[in-house]
Amino acid sequence: MRVVIVEDQALLREGLARLFADGGHEVVATLGDAAVVAEIVERERPDLVVLDIRMPPTYTDEGARGARDIKSRHPGIGVLLLSQHIETTHAVDLVGLPGFGYLLKDRVLEVEEFLDTAARVAGGGSALDPTVVAALIAPVTGPLGRLSEREKRVLELMAEGLTNIGIAQRLVLSERTVEAHVRHLLLKLEIPESEEGHRRVLAVLTHLRAVHE
């Protein structure tokens, strides 16, 4: 996996580079701001770009804007956004795209899981930080309010990118039971059956959009 890292904190940037290198991946560029990320991506065509949401000069949404640009120009390149705190405003329109992930920076400390998530995103999969999802799936009105506590937990794990088998193992349930929960929550969230491949991510996106409308 070829990786570009965009992070203004030098120690974290170097740490991420070492982490990926030790994991057998090639870090093709490390950047301290998002100003030239489009140029680097165009030249290097990496498998994954890791960006901090808040970058110089304004420390607001430079990373998120860079992510949108990358996904617009190169849909096949994976983008993994990192954030110090829970925030979704700048990333909500990216959640439904294949090859997109959003994690809190603390997840980097869980090295093996972090690298697995990065590889999944680079391969076209999706991943949302469970802490972010848990905060968003607090009691709400609308479709999310129809979900049972078990269905909300299954939705959280779906957002992490787990398969039905992975969810079954995490919750100590049968795969058939998990399949039933997934089927029911998709119906309750009114996710159309015609949406193949990303219905699971669209379930989370439904809630994110509702929160920010």
Protein backbone atom coordinates (compact mmCIF):
# COMPACT_ATOMS: atom_id res chain seq x y z
CA MET A 1 0.00 0.00 0.00
CA ARG A 2 1.36 3.41 -1.04
CA VAL A 3 0.50 6.16 1.43
CA VAL A 4 0.56 9.97 1.58
CA ILE A 5 0.38 11.51 5.06
CA VAL A 6 -0.87 15.09 5.60
CA GLU A 7 -0.52 16.16 9.23
CA ASP A 8 0.74 19.47 10.65
CA GLN A 9 1.99 18.02 13.96
CA ALA A 10 5.52 16.89 13.15
CA LEU A 11 5.74 14.18 15.81
CA LEU A 12 2.45 12.59 14.79
CA ARG A 13 3.35 12.90 11.12
CA GLU A 14 6.65 11.10 11.70
CA GLY A 15 4.97 8.55 13.93
CA LEU A 16 2.38 7.73 11.29
CA ALA A 17 5.09 7.39 8.67
CA ARG A 18 7.04 4.98 10.86
CA LEU A 19 3.89 3.04 11.70
CA PHE A 20 3.03 2.48 8.04
CA ALA A 21 6.64 1.70 7.12
CA ASP A 22 6.96 -0.84 9.95
CA GLY A 23 3.72 -2.39 8.70
CA GLY A 24 5.32 -3.04 5.32
CA HIS A 25 3.76 -0.12 3.46
CA GLU A 26 5.44 2.57 1.35
CA VAL A 27 5.09 6.18 2.49
CA VAL A 28 5.54 8.17 -0.71
CA ALA A 29 5.14 11.66 0.83
CA THR A 30 4.60 13.41 4.18
CA LEU A 31 3.20 16.94 4.22
CA GLY A 32 2.79 19.55 6.94
CA ASP A 33 -0.17 21.28 5.29
CA ALA A 34 -2.79 20.57 2.65
CA ALA A 35 -1.71 23.23 0.15
CA VAL A 36 0.04 20.89 -2.28
CA VAL A 37 -1.73 17.62 -1.51
CA ALA A 38 -3.61 17.68 -4.85
CA GLU A 39 -0.33 18.03 -6.74
CA ILE A 40 1.32 15.22 -4.77
CA VAL A 41 -1.65 12.89 -5.24
CA GLU A 42 -1.73 13.63 -8.97
CA ARG A 43 1.97 12.78 -9.26
CA GLU A 44 2.23 9.79 -6.91
CA ARG A 45 -1.23 8.20 -7.31
CA PRO A 46 -1.14 6.61 -3.82
CA ASP A 47 -3.53 3.96 -2.58
CA LEU A 48 -4.35 5.98 0.55
CA VAL A 49 -4.16 9.59 1.74
CA VAL A 50 -4.28 10.20 5.50
CA LEU A 51 -5.30 13.76 6.37
CA ASP A 52 -5.93 15.73 9.53
CA ILE A 53 -9.28 17.52 9.25
CA ARG A 54 -7.89 20.77 10.71
CA MET A 55 -4.79 22.04 8.95
CA PRO A 56 -2.94 25.36 8.49
CA PRO A 57 -3.56 28.17 7.87
CA THR A 58 -7.04 28.45 9.45
CA TYR A 59 -7.22 25.09 11.25
CA THR A 60 -10.87 24.65 10.28
CA ASP A 61 -11.60 22.35 7.33
CA GLU A 62 -8.51 22.35 5.11
CA GLY A 63 -8.12 18.59 5.41
CA ALA A 64 -11.78 17.92 4.71
CA ARG A 65 -11.68 20.16 1.63
CA GLY A 66 -8.57 18.34 0.48
CA ALA A 67 -10.38 15.04 0.95
CA ARG A 68 -13.33 16.21 -1.15
CA ASP A 69 -10.98 17.31 -3.91
CA ILE A 70 -9.14 13.99 -3.91
CA LYS A 71 -12.35 11.94 -4.02
CA SER A 72 -13.69 14.14 -6.80
CA ARG A 73 -10.58 13.84 -8.97
CA HIS A 74 -9.56 10.31 -8.00
CA PRO A 75 -12.55 8.30 -6.66
CA GLY A 76 -10.46 5.14 -6.46
CA ILE A 77 -7.95 6.57 -3.98
CA GLY A 78 -8.76 5.88 -0.34
CA VAL A 79 -8.99 8.85 2.04
CA LEU A 80 -8.71 8.52 5.81
CA LEU A 81 -9.50 11.66 7.83
CA LEU A 82 -8.16 12.03 11.36
CA SER A 83 -9.51 14.37 14.02
CA GLN A 84 -8.53 15.25 17.57
CA HIS A 85 -12.13 15.73 18.67
CA ILE A 86 -15.56 14.46 17.65
CA GLU A 87 -16.82 16.55 14.74
CA THR A 88 -18.83 15.59 11.67
CA THR A 89 -19.87 18.86 10.05
CA HIS A 90 -16.92 18.92 7.67
CA ALA A 91 -17.09 15.24 6.73
CA VAL A 92 -20.80 14.46 6.49
CA ASP A 93 -20.92 14.67 2.68
CA LEU A 94 -18.01 12.21 2.37
CA VAL A 95 -19.42 9.42 4.50
CA GLY A 96 -21.39 7.72 1.74
CA LEU A 97 -18.41 7.45 -0.61
CA PRO A 98 -16.47 4.21 -1.06
CA GLY A 99 -12.89 4.34 0.12
CA PHE A 100 -13.49 6.83 2.94
CA GLY A 101 -12.76 6.63 6.65
CA TYR A 102 -12.95 8.99 9.60
CA LEU A 103 -11.18 8.19 12.88
CA LEU A 104 -10.24 10.00 16.04
CA LYS A 105 -6.47 10.29 16.44
CA ASP A 106 -6.51 8.11 19.55
CA ARG A 107 -7.20 5.14 17.27
CA VAL A 108 -3.66 5.40 15.94
CA LEU A 109 -2.47 3.95 19.26
CA GLU A 110 -4.31 0.71 18.44
CA VAL A 111 -1.72 -0.02 15.79
CA GLU A 112 -2.89 -3.30 14.31
CA GLU A 113 -6.53 -2.25 14.17
CA PHE A 114 -5.58 1.15 12.73
CA LEU A 115 -3.52 -0.43 9.95
CA ASP A 116 -6.31 -2.89 9.19
CA THR A 117 -8.77 0.00 8.93
CA ALA A 118 -6.40 1.98 6.70
CA ALA A 119 -5.98 -1.01 4.39
CA ARG A 120 -9.76 -1.50 4.24
CA VAL A 121 -10.28 2.14 3.24
CA ALA A 122 -7.48 1.92 0.65
CA GLY A 123 -9.27 -1.10 -0.79
CA GLY A 124 -12.51 0.81 -1.28
CA GLY A 125 -14.13 0.02 2.06
CA SER A 126 -15.51 2.45 4.61
CA ALA A 127 -14.88 3.09 8.31
CA LEU A 128 -16.23 5.51 10.89
CA ASP A 129 -14.88 5.89 14.40
CA PRO A 130 -17.18 4.07 16.83
CA THR A 131 -16.92 6.95 19.32
CA VAL A 132 -18.24 9.39 16.74
CA VAL A 133 -21.04 7.07 15.72
CA ALA A 134 -21.98 6.36 19.34
CA ALA A 135 -22.26 10.09 20.02
CA LEU A 136 -24.43 10.58 16.98
CA ILE A 137 -26.70 7.65 17.69
CA ALA A 138 -27.84 9.09 20.99
CA PRO A 139 -31.63 9.29 21.44
CA VAL A 140 -32.97 11.18 18.44
CA THR A 141 -36.23 11.79 16.65
CA GLY A 142 -36.95 10.56 13.14
CA PRO A 143 -35.88 7.21 11.65
CA LEU A 144 -33.03 6.63 14.14
CA GLY A 145 -35.49 6.89 16.98
CA ARG A 146 -37.20 3.77 15.66
CA LEU A 147 -34.16 1.56 16.23
CA SER A 148 -33.86 -0.73 19.22
CA GLU A 149 -30.74 -0.53 21.39
CA ARG A 150 -29.43 -3.71 19.78
CA GLU A 151 -30.02 -2.31 16.29
CA LYS A 152 -28.20 0.89 17.24
CA ARG A 153 -25.23 -1.17 18.43
CA VAL A 154 -25.25 -3.15 15.18
CA LEU A 155 -25.33 0.15 13.27
CA GLU A 156 -22.31 1.40 15.22
CA LEU A 157 -20.36 -1.72 14.26
CA MET A 158 -21.52 -1.45 10.65
CA ALA A 159 -20.10 2.07 10.62
CA GLU A 160 -16.76 0.72 11.80
CA GLY A 161 -16.73 -1.36 8.65
CA LEU A 162 -17.37 -4.75 10.25
CA THR A 163 -19.02 -7.48 8.20
CA ASN A 164 -21.97 -9.44 9.54
CA ILE A 165 -19.54 -12.15 10.64
CA GLY A 166 -17.41 -9.58 12.45
CA ILE A 167 -20.46 -8.10 14.17
CA ALA A 168 -21.63 -11.56 15.21
CA GLN A 169 -18.25 -12.28 16.77
CA ARG A 170 -18.13 -8.91 18.57
CA LEU A 171 -21.66 -9.26 20.00
CA VAL A 172 -21.50 -13.03 20.51
CA LEU A 173 -24.53 -13.59 18.29
CA SER A 174 -25.23 -15.93 15.39
CA GLU A 175 -24.63 -14.56 11.92
CA ARG A 176 -28.29 -15.19 11.10
CA THR A 177 -29.37 -13.02 14.05
CA VAL A 178 -27.09 -10.21 12.91
CA GLU A 179 -28.48 -10.49 9.38
CA ALA A 180 -31.97 -10.05 10.81
CA HIS A 181 -30.92 -6.97 12.80
CA VAL A 182 -29.29 -5.44 9.73
CA ARG A 183 -32.33 -6.15 7.58
CA HIS A 184 -34.68 -4.60 10.15
CA LEU A 185 -32.63 -1.45 10.74
CA LEU A 186 -32.23 -0.84 7.00
CA LEU A 187 -36.00 -1.08 6.65
CA LYS A 188 -36.56 1.28 9.59
CA LEU A 189 -34.09 3.79 8.12
CA GLU A 190 -35.86 3.50 4.77
CA ILE A 191 -32.68 2.68 2.85
CA PRO A 192 -33.81 1.62 -0.65
CA GLU A 193 -33.04 -1.95 -1.64
CA SER A 194 -31.77 -0.75 -5.03
CA GLU A 195 -28.72 0.78 -3.35
CA GLU A 196 -26.27 -2.10 -3.65
CA GLY A 197 -22.81 -2.20 -2.11
CA HIS A 198 -23.09 0.77 0.25
CA ARG A 199 -26.46 0.33 1.94
CA ARG A 200 -24.64 -0.14 5.24
CA VAL A 201 -22.79 3.17 4.95
CA LEU A 202 -25.93 4.90 3.67
CA ALA A 203 -27.64 3.85 6.90
CA VAL A 204 -25.11 5.88 8.89
CA LEU A 205 -25.19 8.71 6.35
CA THR A 206 -28.96 8.96 6.81
CA HIS A 207 -28.45 9.84 10.45
CA LEU A 208 -25.50 12.17 9.89
CA ARG A 209 -27.45 14.21 7.40
CA ALA A 210 -30.47 14.35 9.72
CA VAL A 211 -28.29 15.66 12.56
CA HIS A 212 -26.90 18.50 10.47
CA GLU A 213 -30.04 19.63 8.65
